[in-house]
Amino acid sequence: ARSTASSVGHAGVTPRAPQVATGARTELAIASPTISGLE
């Protein structure tokens, strides 16, 4: 999440949400700080 946040804004590119392994399952991590909680 931290590394994704730090990369936002470079060349105006918003990174794709990374896949984060959690135990035996994989969840989508929406880490961009430009997206509000409601969005």
PDB file of all heavy atoms in Angstrom:
ATOM      1  N   ALA A   1       0.823  -1.201   0.000  1.00  0.00           N
ATOM      2  CA  ALA A   1       0.000   0.000   0.000  1.00  0.00           C
ATOM      3  C   ALA A   1       0.860   1.253   0.000  1.00  0.00           C
ATOM      4  O   ALA A   1       0.583   2.211  -0.715  1.00  0.00           O
ATOM      5  CB  ALA A   1      -0.930  -0.010   1.201  1.00  0.00           C
ATOM      6  N   ARG A   2       1.938   1.230   0.821  1.00  0.00           N
ATOM      7  CA  ARG A   2       2.808   2.410   0.894  1.00  0.00           C
ATOM      8  C   ARG A   2       3.530   2.631  -0.423  1.00  0.00           C
ATOM      9  O   ARG A   2       3.639   3.743  -0.911  1.00  0.00           O
ATOM     10  CB  ARG A   2       3.805   2.261   2.046  1.00  0.00           C
ATOM     11  CG  ARG A   2       3.188   2.418   3.411  1.00  0.00           C
ATOM     12  CD  ARG A   2       4.270   2.589   4.464  1.00  0.00           C
ATOM     13  NE  ARG A   2       5.131   1.420   4.533  1.00  0.00           N
ATOM     14  CZ  ARG A   2       4.879   0.389   5.326  1.00  0.00           C
ATOM     15  NH1 ARG A   2       3.803   0.392   6.083  1.00  0.00           N
ATOM     16  NH2 ARG A   2       5.698  -0.644   5.361  1.00  0.00           N
ATOM     17  N   SER A   3       4.072   1.561  -1.012  1.00  0.00           N
ATOM     18  CA  SER A   3       4.828   1.717  -2.246  1.00  0.00           C
ATOM     19  C   SER A   3       3.927   2.146  -3.387  1.00  0.00           C
ATOM     20  O   SER A   3       4.309   2.917  -4.249  1.00  0.00           O
ATOM     21  CB  SER A   3       5.533   0.399  -2.604  1.00  0.00           C
ATOM     22  OG  SER A   3       4.584  -0.609  -2.852  1.00  0.00           O
ATOM     23  N   THR A   4       2.672   1.649  -3.393  1.00  0.00           N
ATOM     24  CA  THR A   4       1.732   2.041  -4.433  1.00  0.00           C
ATOM     25  C   THR A   4       1.396   3.519  -4.308  1.00  0.00           C
ATOM     26  O   THR A   4       1.353   4.258  -5.287  1.00  0.00           O
ATOM     27  CB  THR A   4       0.449   1.207  -4.327  1.00  0.00           C
ATOM     28  OG1 THR A   4       0.788  -0.167  -4.383  1.00  0.00           O
ATOM     29  CG2 THR A   4      -0.515   1.538  -5.458  1.00  0.00           C
ATOM     30  N   ALA A   5       1.169   3.963  -3.057  1.00  0.00           N
ATOM     31  CA  ALA A   5       0.832   5.368  -2.830  1.00  0.00           C
ATOM     32  C   ALA A   5       1.964   6.279  -3.269  1.00  0.00           C
ATOM     33  O   ALA A   5       1.733   7.339  -3.844  1.00  0.00           O
ATOM     34  CB  ALA A   5       0.496   5.584  -1.360  1.00  0.00           C
ATOM     35  N   SER A   6       3.209   5.850  -3.012  1.00  0.00           N
ATOM     36  CA  SER A   6       4.345   6.710  -3.344  1.00  0.00           C
ATOM     37  C   SER A   6       4.549   6.824  -4.843  1.00  0.00           C
ATOM     38  O   SER A   6       5.158   7.773  -5.320  1.00  0.00           O
ATOM     39  CB  SER A   6       5.616   6.162  -2.684  1.00  0.00           C
ATOM     40  OG  SER A   6       5.946   4.916  -3.243  1.00  0.00           O
ATOM     41  N   SER A   7       4.031   5.842  -5.622  1.00  0.00           N
ATOM     42  CA  SER A   7       4.245   5.873  -7.063  1.00  0.00           C
ATOM     43  C   SER A   7       3.165   6.636  -7.810  1.00  0.00           C
ATOM     44  O   SER A   7       3.264   6.881  -8.992  1.00  0.00           O
ATOM     45  CB  SER A   7       4.318   4.441  -7.604  1.00  0.00           C
ATOM     46  OG  SER A   7       3.077   3.787  -7.408  1.00  0.00           O
ATOM     47  N   VAL A   8       2.073   7.031  -7.128  1.00  0.00           N
ATOM     48  CA  VAL A   8       0.993   7.767  -7.781  1.00  0.00           C
ATOM     49  C   VAL A   8       1.496   9.163  -8.146  1.00  0.00           C
ATOM     50  O   VAL A   8       2.153   9.828  -7.364  1.00  0.00           O
ATOM     51  CB  VAL A   8      -0.238   7.872  -6.857  1.00  0.00           C
ATOM     52  CG1 VAL A   8      -1.284   8.785  -7.471  1.00  0.00           C
ATOM     53  CG2 VAL A   8      -0.818   6.503  -6.622  1.00  0.00           C
ATOM     54  N   GLY A   9       1.162   9.611  -9.312  1.00  0.00           N
ATOM     55  CA  GLY A   9       1.528  10.970  -9.698  1.00  0.00           C
ATOM     56  C   GLY A   9       2.715  11.013 -10.630  1.00  0.00           C
ATOM     57  O   GLY A   9       2.914  12.012 -11.302  1.00  0.00           O
ATOM     58  N   HIS A  10       3.542   9.971 -10.674  1.00  0.00           N
ATOM     59  CA  HIS A  10       4.671   9.954 -11.597  1.00  0.00           C
ATOM     60  C   HIS A  10       4.140   9.818 -13.010  1.00  0.00           C
ATOM     61  O   HIS A  10       3.479   8.826 -13.350  1.00  0.00           O
ATOM     62  CB  HIS A  10       5.628   8.819 -11.262  1.00  0.00           C
ATOM     63  CG  HIS A  10       6.312   9.008  -9.947  1.00  0.00           C
ATOM     64  ND1 HIS A  10       7.262   9.967  -9.730  1.00  0.00           N
ATOM     65  CD2 HIS A  10       6.127   8.381  -8.757  1.00  0.00           C
ATOM     66  CE1 HIS A  10       7.671   9.909  -8.479  1.00  0.00           C
ATOM     67  NE2 HIS A  10       6.994   8.954  -7.863  1.00  0.00           N
ATOM     68  N   ALA A  11       4.427  10.789 -13.849  1.00  0.00           N
ATOM     69  CA  ALA A  11       3.999  10.794 -15.239  1.00  0.00           C
ATOM     70  C   ALA A  11       2.482  10.757 -15.362  1.00  0.00           C
ATOM     71  O   ALA A  11       1.941  10.347 -16.374  1.00  0.00           O
ATOM     72  CB  ALA A  11       4.613   9.610 -15.996  1.00  0.00           C
ATOM     73  N   GLY A  12       1.772  11.147 -14.290  1.00  0.00           N
ATOM     74  CA  GLY A  12       0.318  11.192 -14.349  1.00  0.00           C
ATOM     75  C   GLY A  12      -0.338   9.842 -14.440  1.00  0.00           C
ATOM     76  O   GLY A  12      -1.475   9.710 -14.868  1.00  0.00           O
ATOM     77  N   VAL A  13       0.370   8.795 -14.046  1.00  0.00           N
ATOM     78  CA  VAL A  13      -0.164   7.433 -14.182  1.00  0.00           C
ATOM     79  C   VAL A  13      -0.682   6.962 -12.839  1.00  0.00           C
ATOM     80  O   VAL A  13       0.001   7.055 -11.830  1.00  0.00           O
ATOM     81  CB  VAL A  13       0.922   6.463 -14.691  1.00  0.00           C
ATOM     82  CG1 VAL A  13       0.351   5.054 -14.764  1.00  0.00           C
ATOM     83  CG2 VAL A  13       1.418   6.901 -16.054  1.00  0.00           C
ATOM     84  N   THR A  14      -1.908   6.480 -12.825  1.00  0.00           N
ATOM     85  CA  THR A  14      -2.466   5.875 -11.614  1.00  0.00           C
ATOM     86  C   THR A  14      -2.237   4.374 -11.680  1.00  0.00           C
ATOM     87  O   THR A  14      -2.680   3.721 -12.617  1.00  0.00           O
ATOM     88  CB  THR A  14      -3.974   6.160 -11.509  1.00  0.00           C
ATOM     89  OG1 THR A  14      -4.158   7.569 -11.473  1.00  0.00           O
ATOM     90  CG2 THR A  14      -4.551   5.521 -10.255  1.00  0.00           C
ATOM     91  N   PRO A  15      -1.502   3.790 -10.731  1.00  0.00           N
ATOM     92  CA  PRO A  15      -1.172   2.366 -10.804  1.00  0.00           C
ATOM     93  C   PRO A  15      -2.408   1.510 -10.650  1.00  0.00           C
ATOM     94  O   PRO A  15      -3.376   1.893 -10.024  1.00  0.00           O
ATOM     95  CB  PRO A  15      -0.208   2.171  -9.631  1.00  0.00           C
ATOM     96  CG  PRO A  15      -0.602   3.232  -8.666  1.00  0.00           C
ATOM     97  CD  PRO A  15      -1.030   4.407  -9.490  1.00  0.00           C
ATOM     98  N   ARG A  16      -2.331   0.307 -11.204  1.00  0.00           N
ATOM     99  CA  ARG A  16      -3.390  -0.669 -10.986  1.00  0.00           C
ATOM    100  C   ARG A  16      -3.349  -1.155  -9.550  1.00  0.00           C
ATOM    101  O   ARG A  16      -2.308  -1.222  -8.933  1.00  0.00           O
ATOM    102  CB  ARG A  16      -3.206  -1.868 -11.923  1.00  0.00           C
ATOM    103  CG  ARG A  16      -3.460  -1.530 -13.384  1.00  0.00           C
ATOM    104  CD  ARG A  16      -3.360  -2.788 -14.224  1.00  0.00           C
ATOM    105  NE  ARG A  16      -2.042  -3.411 -14.047  1.00  0.00           N
ATOM    106  CZ  ARG A  16      -1.750  -4.626 -14.497  1.00  0.00           C
ATOM    107  NH1 ARG A  16      -2.672  -5.339 -15.112  1.00  0.00           N
ATOM    108  NH2 ARG A  16      -0.559  -5.125 -14.326  1.00  0.00           N
ATOM    109  N   ALA A  17      -4.508  -1.513  -9.021  1.00  0.00           N
ATOM    110  CA  ALA A  17      -4.566  -2.048  -7.655  1.00  0.00           C
ATOM    111  C   ALA A  17      -3.833  -3.373  -7.605  1.00  0.00           C
ATOM    112  O   ALA A  17      -4.079  -4.249  -8.420  1.00  0.00           O
ATOM    113  CB  ALA A  17      -6.024  -2.248  -7.253  1.00  0.00           C
ATOM    114  N   PRO A  18      -2.876  -3.546  -6.663  1.00  0.00           N
ATOM    115  CA  PRO A  18      -2.067  -4.764  -6.611  1.00  0.00           C
ATOM    116  C   PRO A  18      -2.850  -5.927  -6.029  1.00  0.00           C
ATOM    117  O   PRO A  18      -3.796  -5.738  -5.277  1.00  0.00           O
ATOM    118  CB  PRO A  18      -0.913  -4.370  -5.676  1.00  0.00           C
ATOM    119  CG  PRO A  18      -1.533  -3.357  -4.777  1.00  0.00           C
ATOM    120  CD  PRO A  18      -2.502  -2.587  -5.626  1.00  0.00           C
ATOM    121  N   GLN A  19      -2.417  -7.127  -6.359  1.00  0.00           N
ATOM    122  CA  GLN A  19      -2.945  -8.331  -5.745  1.00  0.00           C
ATOM    123  C   GLN A  19      -2.119  -8.638  -4.493  1.00  0.00           C
ATOM    124  O   GLN A  19      -0.911  -8.772  -4.560  1.00  0.00           O
ATOM    125  CB  GLN A  19      -2.856  -9.530  -6.712  1.00  0.00           C
ATOM    126  CG  GLN A  19      -3.729  -9.377  -7.941  1.00  0.00           C
ATOM    127  CD  GLN A  19      -5.193  -9.492  -7.612  1.00  0.00           C
ATOM    128  OE1 GLN A  19      -5.546 -10.192  -6.695  1.00  0.00           O
ATOM    129  NE2 GLN A  19      -6.042  -8.796  -8.347  1.00  0.00           N
ATOM    130  N   VAL A  20      -2.787  -8.711  -3.349  1.00  0.00           N
ATOM    131  CA  VAL A  20      -2.099  -8.937  -2.079  1.00  0.00           C
ATOM    132  C   VAL A  20      -2.497 -10.291  -1.538  1.00  0.00           C
ATOM    133  O   VAL A  20      -3.679 -10.553  -1.331  1.00  0.00           O
ATOM    134  CB  VAL A  20      -2.465  -7.842  -1.052  1.00  0.00           C
ATOM    135  CG1 VAL A  20      -1.729  -8.077   0.242  1.00  0.00           C
ATOM    136  CG2 VAL A  20      -2.110  -6.471  -1.624  1.00  0.00           C
ATOM    137  N   ALA A  21      -1.531 -11.155  -1.328  1.00  0.00           N
ATOM    138  CA  ALA A  21      -1.841 -12.486  -0.794  1.00  0.00           C
ATOM    139  C   ALA A  21      -2.224 -12.382   0.661  1.00  0.00           C
ATOM    140  O   ALA A  21      -1.552 -11.740   1.436  1.00  0.00           O
ATOM    141  CB  ALA A  21      -0.643 -13.403  -0.949  1.00  0.00           C
ATOM    142  N   THR A  22      -3.328 -12.987   1.035  1.00  0.00           N
ATOM    143  CA  THR A  22      -3.779 -13.013   2.426  1.00  0.00           C
ATOM    144  C   THR A  22      -4.137 -14.433   2.777  1.00  0.00           C
ATOM    145  O   THR A  22      -5.200 -14.917   2.428  1.00  0.00           O
ATOM    146  CB  THR A  22      -4.994 -12.092   2.626  1.00  0.00           C
ATOM    147  OG1 THR A  22      -4.672 -10.797   2.141  1.00  0.00           O
ATOM    148  CG2 THR A  22      -5.375 -12.014   4.087  1.00  0.00           C
ATOM    149  N   GLY A  23      -3.215 -15.136   3.492  1.00  0.00           N
ATOM    150  CA  GLY A  23      -3.453 -16.540   3.834  1.00  0.00           C
ATOM    151  C   GLY A  23      -3.563 -17.363   2.571  1.00  0.00           C
ATOM    152  O   GLY A  23      -2.731 -17.302   1.681  1.00  0.00           O
ATOM    153  N   ALA A  24      -4.649 -18.172   2.466  1.00  0.00           N
ATOM    154  CA  ALA A  24      -4.829 -19.051   1.332  1.00  0.00           C
ATOM    155  C   ALA A  24      -5.634 -18.374   0.228  1.00  0.00           C
ATOM    156  O   ALA A  24      -5.943 -18.985  -0.776  1.00  0.00           O
ATOM    157  CB  ALA A  24      -5.529 -20.326   1.768  1.00  0.00           C
ATOM    158  N   ARG A  25      -5.999 -17.071   0.387  1.00  0.00           N
ATOM    159  CA  ARG A  25      -6.813 -16.421  -0.607  1.00  0.00           C
ATOM    160  C   ARG A  25      -6.123 -15.150  -1.049  1.00  0.00           C
ATOM    161  O   ARG A  25      -5.197 -14.665  -0.426  1.00  0.00           O
ATOM    162  CB  ARG A  25      -8.202 -16.120  -0.044  1.00  0.00           C
ATOM    163  CG  ARG A  25      -8.188 -15.165   1.133  1.00  0.00           C
ATOM    164  CD  ARG A  25      -9.567 -15.118   1.783  1.00  0.00           C
ATOM    165  NE  ARG A  25      -9.622 -14.108   2.806  1.00  0.00           N
ATOM    166  CZ  ARG A  25      -9.158 -14.272   4.038  1.00  0.00           C
ATOM    167  NH1 ARG A  25      -8.609 -15.422   4.388  1.00  0.00           N
ATOM    168  NH2 ARG A  25      -9.246 -13.306   4.929  1.00  0.00           N
ATOM    169  N   THR A  26      -6.585 -14.567  -2.173  1.00  0.00           N
ATOM    170  CA  THR A  26      -6.019 -13.332  -2.687  1.00  0.00           C
ATOM    171  C   THR A  26      -7.099 -12.287  -2.761  1.00  0.00           C
ATOM    172  O   THR A  26      -8.169 -12.541  -3.286  1.00  0.00           O
ATOM    173  CB  THR A  26      -5.411 -13.568  -4.082  1.00  0.00           C
ATOM    174  OG1 THR A  26      -4.430 -14.568  -3.982  1.00  0.00           O
ATOM    175  CG2 THR A  26      -4.808 -12.290  -4.616  1.00  0.00           C
ATOM    176  N   GLU A  27      -6.812 -11.101  -2.194  1.00  0.00           N
ATOM    177  CA  GLU A  27      -7.794 -10.033  -2.201  1.00  0.00           C
ATOM    178  C   GLU A  27      -7.260  -8.867  -3.002  1.00  0.00           C
ATOM    179  O   GLU A  27      -6.049  -8.639  -3.078  1.00  0.00           O
ATOM    180  CB  GLU A  27      -8.092  -9.582  -0.766  1.00  0.00           C
ATOM    181  CG  GLU A  27      -8.683 -10.691   0.084  1.00  0.00           C
ATOM    182  CD  GLU A  27      -8.864 -10.246   1.525  1.00  0.00           C
ATOM    183  OE1 GLU A  27      -8.371  -9.158   1.842  1.00  0.00           O
ATOM    184  OE2 GLU A  27      -9.469 -11.007   2.293  1.00  0.00           O
ATOM    185  N   LEU A  28      -8.166  -8.114  -3.593  1.00  0.00           N
ATOM    186  CA  LEU A  28      -7.790  -6.940  -4.369  1.00  0.00           C
ATOM    187  C   LEU A  28      -7.566  -5.770  -3.430  1.00  0.00           C
ATOM    188  O   LEU A  28      -8.451  -5.422  -2.662  1.00  0.00           O
ATOM    189  CB  LEU A  28      -8.895  -6.621  -5.376  1.00  0.00           C
ATOM    190  CG  LEU A  28      -8.550  -5.540  -6.405  1.00  0.00           C
ATOM    191  CD1 LEU A  28      -7.417  -6.040  -7.290  1.00  0.00           C
ATOM    192  CD2 LEU A  28      -9.771  -5.229  -7.260  1.00  0.00           C
ATOM    193  N   ALA A  29      -6.390  -5.187  -3.456  1.00  0.00           N
ATOM    194  CA  ALA A  29      -6.092  -4.041  -2.596  1.00  0.00           C
ATOM    195  C   ALA A  29      -6.225  -2.767  -3.412  1.00  0.00           C
ATOM    196  O   ALA A  29      -5.460  -2.551  -4.345  1.00  0.00           O
ATOM    197  CB  ALA A  29      -4.678  -4.154  -2.033  1.00  0.00           C
ATOM    198  N   ILE A  30      -7.212  -1.934  -3.098  1.00  0.00           N
ATOM    199  CA  ILE A  30      -7.388  -0.662  -3.799  1.00  0.00           C
ATOM    200  C   ILE A  30      -6.609   0.375  -3.014  1.00  0.00           C
ATOM    201  O   ILE A  30      -7.076   0.885  -2.012  1.00  0.00           O
ATOM    202  CB  ILE A  30      -8.874  -0.298  -3.891  1.00  0.00           C
ATOM    203  CG1 ILE A  30      -9.629  -1.408  -4.620  1.00  0.00           C
ATOM    204  CG2 ILE A  30      -9.079   1.033  -4.597  1.00  0.00           C
ATOM    205  CD1 ILE A  30     -11.115  -1.176  -4.676  1.00  0.00           C
ATOM    206  N   ALA A  31      -5.398   0.663  -3.464  1.00  0.00           N
ATOM    207  CA  ALA A  31      -4.465   1.421  -2.640  1.00  0.00           C
ATOM    208  C   ALA A  31      -4.277   2.861  -3.085  1.00  0.00           C
ATOM    209  O   ALA A  31      -3.541   3.593  -2.463  1.00  0.00           O
ATOM    210  CB  ALA A  31      -3.098   0.719  -2.630  1.00  0.00           C
ATOM    211  N   SER A  32      -4.885   3.295  -4.182  1.00  0.00           N
ATOM    212  CA  SER A  32      -4.635   4.644  -4.670  1.00  0.00           C
ATOM    213  C   SER A  32      -5.179   5.687  -3.714  1.00  0.00           C
ATOM    214  O   SER A  32      -6.355   5.664  -3.374  1.00  0.00           O
ATOM    215  CB  SER A  32      -5.282   4.830  -6.042  1.00  0.00           C
ATOM    216  OG  SER A  32      -5.191   6.183  -6.430  1.00  0.00           O
ATOM    217  N   PRO A  33      -4.351   6.673  -3.288  1.00  0.00           N
ATOM    218  CA  PRO A  33      -4.829   7.698  -2.360  1.00  0.00           C
ATOM    219  C   PRO A  33      -5.739   8.718  -3.036  1.00  0.00           C
ATOM    220  O   PRO A  33      -6.322   9.543  -2.382  1.00  0.00           O
ATOM    221  CB  PRO A  33      -3.532   8.353  -1.867  1.00  0.00           C
ATOM    222  CG  PRO A  33      -2.576   8.163  -2.975  1.00  0.00           C
ATOM    223  CD  PRO A  33      -2.927   6.844  -3.605  1.00  0.00           C
ATOM    224  N   THR A  34      -5.852   8.687  -4.398  1.00  0.00           N
ATOM    225  CA  THR A  34      -6.697   9.655  -5.092  1.00  0.00           C
ATOM    226  C   THR A  34      -8.148   9.224  -5.097  1.00  0.00           C
ATOM    227  O   THR A  34      -9.014   9.969  -5.524  1.00  0.00           O
ATOM    228  CB  THR A  34      -6.221   9.810  -6.545  1.00  0.00           C
ATOM    229  OG1 THR A  34      -6.375   8.550  -7.214  1.00  0.00           O
ATOM    230  CG2 THR A  34      -4.764  10.222  -6.607  1.00  0.00           C
ATOM    231  N   ILE A  35      -8.449   8.014  -4.629  1.00  0.00           N
ATOM    232  CA  ILE A  35      -9.821   7.506  -4.605  1.00  0.00           C
ATOM    233  C   ILE A  35     -10.347   7.617  -3.194  1.00  0.00           C
ATOM    234  O   ILE A  35      -9.763   7.082  -2.267  1.00  0.00           O
ATOM    235  CB  ILE A  35      -9.872   6.044  -5.078  1.00  0.00           C
ATOM    236  CG1 ILE A  35      -9.280   5.931  -6.479  1.00  0.00           C
ATOM    237  CG2 ILE A  35     -11.295   5.530  -5.075  1.00  0.00           C
ATOM    238  CD1 ILE A  35      -9.216   4.515  -6.992  1.00  0.00           C
ATOM    239  N   SER A  36     -11.454   8.308  -3.002  1.00  0.00           N
ATOM    240  CA  SER A  36     -12.019   8.453  -1.670  1.00  0.00           C
ATOM    241  C   SER A  36     -12.637   7.148  -1.213  1.00  0.00           C
ATOM    242  O   SER A  36     -12.838   6.229  -2.013  1.00  0.00           O
ATOM    243  CB  SER A  36     -13.084   9.558  -1.677  1.00  0.00           C
ATOM    244  OG  SER A  36     -14.226   9.104  -2.394  1.00  0.00           O
ATOM    245  N   GLY A  37     -12.995   7.086   0.091  1.00  0.00           N
ATOM    246  CA  GLY A  37     -13.609   5.869   0.619  1.00  0.00           C
ATOM    247  C   GLY A  37     -14.909   5.545  -0.085  1.00  0.00           C
ATOM    248  O   GLY A  37     -15.198   4.390  -0.415  1.00  0.00           O
ATOM    249  N   LEU A  38     -15.747   6.575  -0.348  1.00  0.00           N
ATOM    250  CA  LEU A  38     -17.031   6.329  -1.019  1.00  0.00           C
ATOM    251  C   LEU A  38     -16.817   5.853  -2.447  1.00  0.00           C
ATOM    252  O   LEU A  38     -17.537   4.990  -2.948  1.00  0.00           O
ATOM    253  CB  LEU A  38     -17.878   7.604  -1.003  1.00  0.00           C
ATOM    254  CG  LEU A  38     -18.436   8.005   0.372  1.00  0.00           C
ATOM    255  CD1 LEU A  38     -19.082   9.381   0.297  1.00  0.00           C
ATOM    256  CD2 LEU A  38     -19.447   6.968   0.836  1.00  0.00           C
ATOM    257  N   GLU A  39     -15.824   6.444  -3.130  1.00  0.00           N
ATOM    258  CA  GLU A  39     -15.562   6.022  -4.508  1.00  0.00           C
ATOM    259  C   GLU A  39     -15.044   4.589  -4.546  1.00  0.00           C
ATOM    260  O   GLU A  39     -15.355   3.823  -5.465  1.00  0.00           O
ATOM    261  CB  GLU A  39     -14.563   6.979  -5.152  1.00  0.00           C
ATOM    262  CG  GLU A  39     -15.160   8.343  -5.451  1.00  0.00           C
ATOM    263  CD  GLU A  39     -14.108   9.362  -5.876  1.00  0.00           C
ATOM    264  OE1 GLU A  39     -12.948   9.235  -5.434  1.00  0.00           O
ATOM    265  OE2 GLU A  39     -14.459  10.262  -6.639  1.00  0.00           O
TER     266      GLU A  39
END
